[in-house]
Amino acid sequence: MRTIHYVGFTGDEFVRARRLFGGPVMIHRRWDRRAQRDIGPDDMVIFATGDDTQPLSRFNGDDYDERAFFDPKVWKRLTR
């Protein structure tokens, strides 16, 4: 199954990108080794800024709870 990976999105821009590209969705906070490993040969990767040639983050990002983009209470709790 093809998965859409969203990398580096932080809020409303994700909602707009999701409307354009759809899902199923995998959200990566940053471009890191973990994100690279998660991407399959048939998957599509959407970057908030840059592309796959940008340097990898030194540290792996944690996973996002997708509900955070649709529920302000969850977003606030996760971004404290």
PDB file of N, CA and C in Angstrom:
ATOM      1  N   MET A   1       0.841  -1.177   0.000  1.00  0.00           N
ATOM      2  CA  MET A   1       0.000   0.000   0.000  1.00  0.00           C
ATOM      3  C   MET A   1       0.890   1.245   0.000  1.00  0.00           C
ATOM      4  N   ARG A   2       0.560   2.182  -0.836  1.00  0.00           N
ATOM      5  CA  ARG A   2       1.307   3.433  -0.914  1.00  0.00           C
ATOM      6  C   ARG A   2       0.952   4.318   0.273  1.00  0.00           C
ATOM      7  N   THR A   3       1.974   4.852   0.930  1.00  0.00           N
ATOM      8  CA  THR A   3       1.793   5.749   2.066  1.00  0.00           C
ATOM      9  C   THR A   3       2.340   7.119   1.701  1.00  0.00           C
ATOM     10  N   ILE A   4       1.671   8.157   2.188  1.00  0.00           N
ATOM     11  CA  ILE A   4       2.146   9.522   1.993  1.00  0.00           C
ATOM     12  C   ILE A   4       2.875   9.935   3.266  1.00  0.00           C
ATOM     13  N   HIS A   5       4.152  10.294   3.142  1.00  0.00           N
ATOM     14  CA  HIS A   5       4.962  10.727   4.279  1.00  0.00           C
ATOM     15  C   HIS A   5       5.063  12.250   4.246  1.00  0.00           C
ATOM     16  N   TYR A   6       4.726  12.876   5.351  1.00  0.00           N
ATOM     17  CA  TYR A   6       4.821  14.328   5.487  1.00  0.00           C
ATOM     18  C   TYR A   6       5.996  14.625   6.411  1.00  0.00           C
ATOM     19  N   VAL A   7       6.956  15.424   5.934  1.00  0.00           N
ATOM     20  CA  VAL A   7       8.181  15.688   6.689  1.00  0.00           C
ATOM     21  C   VAL A   7       8.287  17.173   7.019  1.00  0.00           C
ATOM     22  N   GLY A   8       8.420  17.474   8.327  1.00  0.00           N
ATOM     23  CA  GLY A   8       8.704  18.837   8.770  1.00  0.00           C
ATOM     24  C   GLY A   8       7.513  19.770   8.855  1.00  0.00           C
ATOM     25  N   PHE A   9       6.310  19.260   8.789  1.00  0.00           N
ATOM     26  CA  PHE A   9       5.124  20.113   8.878  1.00  0.00           C
ATOM     27  C   PHE A   9       4.815  20.420  10.337  1.00  0.00           C
ATOM     28  N   THR A  10       4.291  21.628  10.594  1.00  0.00           N
ATOM     29  CA  THR A  10       4.083  22.051  11.981  1.00  0.00           C
ATOM     30  C   THR A  10       2.674  22.527  12.304  1.00  0.00           C
ATOM     31  N   GLY A  11       1.746  22.493  11.408  1.00  0.00           N
ATOM     32  CA  GLY A  11       0.412  22.982  11.754  1.00  0.00           C
ATOM     33  C   GLY A  11      -0.505  23.069  10.560  1.00  0.00           C
ATOM     34  N   ASP A  12      -1.011  24.272  10.294  1.00  0.00           N
ATOM     35  CA  ASP A  12      -1.981  24.477   9.220  1.00  0.00           C
ATOM     36  C   ASP A  12      -1.458  24.031   7.858  1.00  0.00           C
ATOM     37  N   GLU A  13      -0.163  24.169   7.654  1.00  0.00           N
ATOM     38  CA  GLU A  13       0.395  23.754   6.359  1.00  0.00           C
ATOM     39  C   GLU A  13       0.172  22.261   6.124  1.00  0.00           C
ATOM     40  N   PHE A  14       0.186  21.469   7.207  1.00  0.00           N
ATOM     41  CA  PHE A  14      -0.087  20.038   7.076  1.00  0.00           C
ATOM     42  C   PHE A  14      -1.515  19.816   6.592  1.00  0.00           C
ATOM     43  N   VAL A  15      -2.453  20.540   7.161  1.00  0.00           N
ATOM     44  CA  VAL A  15      -3.859  20.379   6.786  1.00  0.00           C
ATOM     45  C   VAL A  15      -4.029  20.676   5.297  1.00  0.00           C
ATOM     46  N   ARG A  16      -3.397  21.744   4.827  1.00  0.00           N
ATOM     47  CA  ARG A  16      -3.495  22.091   3.404  1.00  0.00           C
ATOM     48  C   ARG A  16      -2.842  21.014   2.526  1.00  0.00           C
ATOM     49  N   ALA A  17      -1.673  20.547   2.935  1.00  0.00           N
ATOM     50  CA  ALA A  17      -0.987  19.510   2.155  1.00  0.00           C
ATOM     51  C   ALA A  17      -1.794  18.216   2.148  1.00  0.00           C
ATOM     52  N   ARG A  18      -2.393  17.891   3.271  1.00  0.00           N
ATOM     53  CA  ARG A  18      -3.191  16.656   3.364  1.00  0.00           C
ATOM     54  C   ARG A  18      -4.387  16.714   2.418  1.00  0.00           C
ATOM     55  N   ARG A  19      -4.988  17.892   2.298  1.00  0.00           N
ATOM     56  CA  ARG A  19      -6.107  18.038   1.356  1.00  0.00           C
ATOM     57  C   ARG A  19      -5.651  17.778  -0.079  1.00  0.00           C
ATOM     58  N   LEU A  20      -4.447  18.219  -0.397  1.00  0.00           N
ATOM     59  CA  LEU A  20      -3.924  18.047  -1.755  1.00  0.00           C
ATOM     60  C   LEU A  20      -3.473  16.617  -2.045  1.00  0.00           C
ATOM     61  N   PHE A  21      -2.732  16.022  -1.114  1.00  0.00           N
ATOM     62  CA  PHE A  21      -2.081  14.740  -1.379  1.00  0.00           C
ATOM     63  C   PHE A  21      -2.751  13.545  -0.716  1.00  0.00           C
ATOM     64  N   GLY A  22      -3.555  13.780   0.324  1.00  0.00           N
ATOM     65  CA  GLY A  22      -4.283  12.691   0.966  1.00  0.00           C
ATOM     66  C   GLY A  22      -3.440  11.812   1.867  1.00  0.00           C
ATOM     67  N   GLY A  23      -3.869  10.571   1.987  1.00  0.00           N
ATOM     68  CA  GLY A  23      -3.222   9.618   2.885  1.00  0.00           C
ATOM     69  C   GLY A  23      -3.359   8.230   2.306  1.00  0.00           C
ATOM     70  N   PRO A  24      -3.047   7.151   3.003  1.00  0.00           N
ATOM     71  CA  PRO A  24      -2.719   7.097   4.426  1.00  0.00           C
ATOM     72  C   PRO A  24      -1.451   7.890   4.750  1.00  0.00           C
ATOM     73  N   VAL A  25      -1.361   8.278   5.995  1.00  0.00           N
ATOM     74  CA  VAL A  25      -0.391   9.279   6.410  1.00  0.00           C
ATOM     75  C   VAL A  25       0.637   8.729   7.389  1.00  0.00           C
ATOM     76  N   MET A  26       1.879   9.155   7.182  1.00  0.00           N
ATOM     77  CA  MET A  26       2.947   8.968   8.160  1.00  0.00           C
ATOM     78  C   MET A  26       3.567  10.349   8.343  1.00  0.00           C
ATOM     79  N   ILE A  27       3.651  10.816   9.573  1.00  0.00           N
ATOM     80  CA  ILE A  27       4.150  12.162   9.846  1.00  0.00           C
ATOM     81  C   ILE A  27       5.525  12.064  10.505  1.00  0.00           C
ATOM     82  N   HIS A  28       6.473  12.792   9.948  1.00  0.00           N
ATOM     83  CA  HIS A  28       7.830  12.840  10.492  1.00  0.00           C
ATOM     84  C   HIS A  28       8.138  14.285  10.869  1.00  0.00           C
ATOM     85  N   ARG A  29       8.547  14.502  12.087  1.00  0.00           N
ATOM     86  CA  ARG A  29       8.834  15.862  12.550  1.00  0.00           C
ATOM     87  C   ARG A  29      10.018  16.467  11.825  1.00  0.00           C
ATOM     88  N   ARG A  30      10.969  15.626  11.446  1.00  0.00           N
ATOM     89  CA  ARG A  30      12.157  16.126  10.750  1.00  0.00           C
ATOM     90  C   ARG A  30      12.672  15.056   9.794  1.00  0.00           C
ATOM     91  N   TRP A  31      13.565  15.472   8.906  1.00  0.00           N
ATOM     92  CA  TRP A  31      14.182  14.544   7.969  1.00  0.00           C
ATOM     93  C   TRP A  31      15.362  13.891   8.685  1.00  0.00           C
ATOM     94  N   ASP A  32      15.183  12.632   9.061  1.00  0.00           N
ATOM     95  CA  ASP A  32      16.199  11.922   9.829  1.00  0.00           C
ATOM     96  C   ASP A  32      16.310  10.483   9.327  1.00  0.00           C
ATOM     97  N   ARG A  33      17.198   9.726   9.921  1.00  0.00           N
ATOM     98  CA  ARG A  33      17.402   8.336   9.490  1.00  0.00           C
ATOM     99  C   ARG A  33      16.137   7.498   9.669  1.00  0.00           C
ATOM    100  N   ARG A  34      15.414   7.791  10.710  1.00  0.00           N
ATOM    101  CA  ARG A  34      14.171   7.056  10.960  1.00  0.00           C
ATOM    102  C   ARG A  34      13.169   7.293   9.823  1.00  0.00           C
ATOM    103  N   ALA A  35      13.031   8.542   9.407  1.00  0.00           N
ATOM    104  CA  ALA A  35      12.123   8.855   8.298  1.00  0.00           C
ATOM    105  C   ALA A  35      12.573   8.132   7.031  1.00  0.00           C
ATOM    106  N   GLN A  36      13.865   8.148   6.761  1.00  0.00           N
ATOM    107  CA  GLN A  36      14.377   7.462   5.571  1.00  0.00           C
ATOM    108  C   GLN A  36      14.048   5.973   5.594  1.00  0.00           C
ATOM    109  N   ARG A  37      14.215   5.342   6.754  1.00  0.00           N
ATOM    110  CA  ARG A  37      13.948   3.901   6.866  1.00  0.00           C
ATOM    111  C   ARG A  37      12.475   3.567   6.676  1.00  0.00           C
ATOM    112  N   ASP A  38      11.588   4.485   7.075  1.00  0.00           N
ATOM    113  CA  ASP A  38      10.149   4.227   7.002  1.00  0.00           C
ATOM    114  C   ASP A  38       9.592   4.307   5.586  1.00  0.00           C
ATOM    115  N   ILE A  39      10.319   4.915   4.677  1.00  0.00           N
ATOM    116  CA  ILE A  39       9.803   5.168   3.330  1.00  0.00           C
ATOM    117  C   ILE A  39      10.005   3.942   2.443  1.00  0.00           C
ATOM    118  N   GLY A  40       8.888   3.466   1.889  1.00  0.00           N
ATOM    119  CA  GLY A  40       8.916   2.315   0.997  1.00  0.00           C
ATOM    120  C   GLY A  40       9.127   2.737  -0.444  1.00  0.00           C
ATOM    121  N   PRO A  41       9.385   1.782  -1.328  1.00  0.00           N
ATOM    122  CA  PRO A  41       9.674   2.096  -2.727  1.00  0.00           C
ATOM    123  C   PRO A  41       8.506   2.750  -3.476  1.00  0.00           C
ATOM    124  N   ASP A  42       7.275   2.497  -3.060  1.00  0.00           N
ATOM    125  CA  ASP A  42       6.114   3.074  -3.745  1.00  0.00           C
ATOM    126  C   ASP A  42       5.540   4.290  -3.023  1.00  0.00           C
ATOM    127  N   ASP A  43       6.140   4.685  -1.904  1.00  0.00           N
ATOM    128  CA  ASP A  43       5.611   5.787  -1.097  1.00  0.00           C
ATOM    129  C   ASP A  43       5.936   7.143  -1.715  1.00  0.00           C
ATOM    130  N   MET A  44       5.156   8.149  -1.324  1.00  0.00           N
ATOM    131  CA  MET A  44       5.392   9.526  -1.729  1.00  0.00           C
ATOM    132  C   MET A  44       5.807  10.316  -0.492  1.00  0.00           C
ATOM    133  N   VAL A  45       6.795  11.207  -0.642  1.00  0.00           N
ATOM    134  CA  VAL A  45       7.272  12.021   0.470  1.00  0.00           C
ATOM    135  C   VAL A  45       7.020  13.487   0.141  1.00  0.00           C
ATOM    136  N   ILE A  46       6.332  14.182   1.061  1.00  0.00           N
ATOM    137  CA  ILE A  46       6.037  15.603   0.907  1.00  0.00           C
ATOM    138  C   ILE A  46       6.814  16.348   1.990  1.00  0.00           C
ATOM    139  N   PHE A  47       7.664  17.283   1.590  1.00  0.00           N
ATOM    140  CA  PHE A  47       8.460  18.061   2.537  1.00  0.00           C
ATOM    141  C   PHE A  47       7.842  19.438   2.734  1.00  0.00           C
ATOM    142  N   ALA A  48       7.829  19.909   3.979  1.00  0.00           N
ATOM    143  CA  ALA A  48       7.369  21.274   4.254  1.00  0.00           C
ATOM    144  C   ALA A  48       8.342  22.264   3.624  1.00  0.00           C
ATOM    145  N   THR A  49       9.631  21.987   3.749  1.00  0.00           N
ATOM    146  CA  THR A  49      10.673  22.790   3.094  1.00  0.00           C
ATOM    147  C   THR A  49      11.784  21.855   2.637  1.00  0.00           C
ATOM    148  N   GLY A  50      12.388  22.173   1.532  1.00  0.00           N
ATOM    149  CA  GLY A  50      13.500  21.375   1.039  1.00  0.00           C
ATOM    150  C   GLY A  50      13.059  20.091   0.359  1.00  0.00           C
ATOM    151  N   ASP A  51      14.022  19.177   0.236  1.00  0.00           N
ATOM    152  CA  ASP A  51      13.753  17.882  -0.395  1.00  0.00           C
ATOM    153  C   ASP A  51      14.660  16.828   0.233  1.00  0.00           C
ATOM    154  N   ASP A  52      14.729  15.671  -0.396  1.00  0.00           N
ATOM    155  CA  ASP A  52      15.484  14.567   0.203  1.00  0.00           C
ATOM    156  C   ASP A  52      16.997  14.738   0.126  1.00  0.00           C
ATOM    157  N   THR A  53      17.473  15.804  -0.523  1.00  0.00           N
ATOM    158  CA  THR A  53      18.914  16.045  -0.573  1.00  0.00           C
ATOM    159  C   THR A  53      19.403  16.893   0.598  1.00  0.00           C
ATOM    160  N   GLN A  54      18.487  17.403   1.414  1.00  0.00           N
ATOM    161  CA  GLN A  54      18.910  18.204   2.567  1.00  0.00           C
ATOM    162  C   GLN A  54      19.616  17.311   3.588  1.00  0.00           C
ATOM    163  N   PRO A  55      20.502  17.881   4.396  1.00  0.00           N
ATOM    164  CA  PRO A  55      21.208  17.074   5.397  1.00  0.00           C
ATOM    165  C   PRO A  55      20.228  16.437   6.379  1.00  0.00           C
ATOM    166  N   LEU A  56      20.562  15.227   6.805  1.00  0.00           N
ATOM    167  CA  LEU A  56      19.736  14.550   7.808  1.00  0.00           C
ATOM    168  C   LEU A  56      19.904  15.230   9.158  1.00  0.00           C
ATOM    169  N   SER A  57      18.829  15.243   9.924  1.00  0.00           N
ATOM    170  CA  SER A  57      18.895  15.757  11.286  1.00  0.00           C
ATOM    171  C   SER A  57      19.844  14.880  12.090  1.00  0.00           C
ATOM    172  N   ARG A  58      20.572  15.500  12.985  1.00  0.00           N
ATOM    173  CA  ARG A  58      21.519  14.760  13.820  1.00  0.00           C
ATOM    174  C   ARG A  58      20.810  13.795  14.762  1.00  0.00           C
ATOM    175  N   PHE A  59      19.607  14.182  15.187  1.00  0.00           N
ATOM    176  CA  PHE A  59      18.832  13.366  16.112  1.00  0.00           C
ATOM    177  C   PHE A  59      17.520  12.956  15.459  1.00  0.00           C
ATOM    178  N   ASN A  60      17.026  11.779  15.817  1.00  0.00           N
ATOM    179  CA  ASN A  60      15.732  11.330  15.310  1.00  0.00           C
ATOM    180  C   ASN A  60      14.609  12.084  15.996  1.00  0.00           C
ATOM    181  N   GLY A  61      13.569  12.406  15.234  1.00  0.00           N
ATOM    182  CA  GLY A  61      12.379  13.028  15.799  1.00  0.00           C
ATOM    183  C   GLY A  61      11.451  11.969  16.363  1.00  0.00           C
ATOM    184  N   ASP A  62      10.624  12.375  17.303  1.00  0.00           N
ATOM    185  CA  ASP A  62       9.635  11.435  17.831  1.00  0.00           C
ATOM    186  C   ASP A  62       8.417  11.429  16.922  1.00  0.00           C
ATOM    187  N   ASP A  63       7.556  10.461  17.102  1.00  0.00           N
ATOM    188  CA  ASP A  63       6.361  10.350  16.269  1.00  0.00           C
ATOM    189  C   ASP A  63       5.322  11.375  16.682  1.00  0.00           C
ATOM    190  N   TYR A  64       4.557  11.823  15.707  1.00  0.00           N
ATOM    191  CA  TYR A  64       3.434  12.717  15.961  1.00  0.00           C
ATOM    192  C   TYR A  64       2.166  11.905  16.135  1.00  0.00           C
ATOM    193  N   ASP A  65       1.294  12.413  16.939  1.00  0.00           N
ATOM    194  CA  ASP A  65      -0.059  11.885  17.028  1.00  0.00           C
ATOM    195  C   ASP A  65      -0.864  12.699  16.014  1.00  0.00           C
ATOM    196  N   GLU A  66      -1.336  12.062  14.954  1.00  0.00           N
ATOM    197  CA  GLU A  66      -2.009  12.786  13.871  1.00  0.00           C
ATOM    198  C   GLU A  66      -3.199  13.602  14.359  1.00  0.00           C
ATOM    199  N   ARG A  67      -3.823  13.184  15.456  1.00  0.00           N
ATOM    200  CA  ARG A  67      -4.965  13.943  15.981  1.00  0.00           C
ATOM    201  C   ARG A  67      -4.572  15.370  16.330  1.00  0.00           C
ATOM    202  N   ALA A  68      -3.291  15.606  16.588  1.00  0.00           N
ATOM    203  CA  ALA A  68      -2.837  16.933  16.994  1.00  0.00           C
ATOM    204  C   ALA A  68      -3.137  17.985  15.940  1.00  0.00           C
ATOM    205  N   PHE A  69      -3.160  17.590  14.681  1.00  0.00           N
ATOM    206  CA  PHE A  69      -3.398  18.561  13.626  1.00  0.00           C
ATOM    207  C   PHE A  69      -4.872  18.932  13.487  1.00  0.00           C
ATOM    208  N   PHE A  70      -5.737  18.174  14.129  1.00  0.00           N
ATOM    209  CA  PHE A  70      -7.162  18.429  14.002  1.00  0.00           C
ATOM    210  C   PHE A  70      -7.820  18.796  15.323  1.00  0.00           C
ATOM    211  N   ASP A  71      -7.103  18.639  16.433  1.00  0.00           N
ATOM    212  CA  ASP A  71      -7.654  18.929  17.753  1.00  0.00           C
ATOM    213  C   ASP A  71      -6.684  19.842  18.497  1.00  0.00           C
ATOM    214  N   PRO A  72      -7.023  21.134  18.657  1.00  0.00           N
ATOM    215  CA  PRO A  72      -6.121  22.088  19.317  1.00  0.00           C
ATOM    216  C   PRO A  72      -5.699  21.670  20.719  1.00  0.00           C
ATOM    217  N   LYS A  73      -6.562  20.969  21.448  1.00  0.00           N
ATOM    218  CA  LYS A  73      -6.198  20.533  22.802  1.00  0.00           C
ATOM    219  C   LYS A  73      -5.067  19.510  22.755  1.00  0.00           C
ATOM    220  N   VAL A  74      -5.144  18.585  21.810  1.00  0.00           N
ATOM    221  CA  VAL A  74      -4.086  17.580  21.669  1.00  0.00           C
ATOM    222  C   VAL A  74      -2.793  18.259  21.222  1.00  0.00           C
ATOM    223  N   TRP A  75      -2.889  19.193  20.270  1.00  0.00           N
ATOM    224  CA  TRP A  75      -1.713  19.922  19.777  1.00  0.00           C
ATOM    225  C   TRP A  75      -1.001  20.625  20.929  1.00  0.00           C
ATOM    226  N   LYS A  76      -1.763  21.305  21.756  1.00  0.00           N
ATOM    227  CA  LYS A  76      -1.176  22.048  22.877  1.00  0.00           C
ATOM    228  C   LYS A  76      -0.453  21.103  23.832  1.00  0.00           C
ATOM    229  N   ARG A  77      -1.060  19.966  24.125  1.00  0.00           N
ATOM    230  CA  ARG A  77      -0.456  19.001  25.045  1.00  0.00           C
ATOM    231  C   ARG A  77       0.841  18.430  24.473  1.00  0.00           C
ATOM    232  N   LEU A  78       0.870  18.151  23.186  1.00  0.00           N
ATOM    233  CA  LEU A  78       2.040  17.520  22.578  1.00  0.00           C
ATOM    234  C   LEU A  78       3.184  18.486  22.311  1.00  0.00           C
ATOM    235  N   THR A  79       2.906  19.770  22.232  1.00  0.00           N
ATOM    236  CA  THR A  79       3.951  20.734  21.881  1.00  0.00           C
ATOM    237  C   THR A  79       4.419  21.563  23.064  1.00  0.00           C
ATOM    238  N   ARG A  80       4.053  21.184  24.251  1.00  0.00           N
ATOM    239  CA  ARG A  80       4.535  21.920  25.438  1.00  0.00           C
ATOM    240  C   ARG A  80       6.010  21.797  25.583  1.00  0.00           C
TER     241      ARG A  80
END
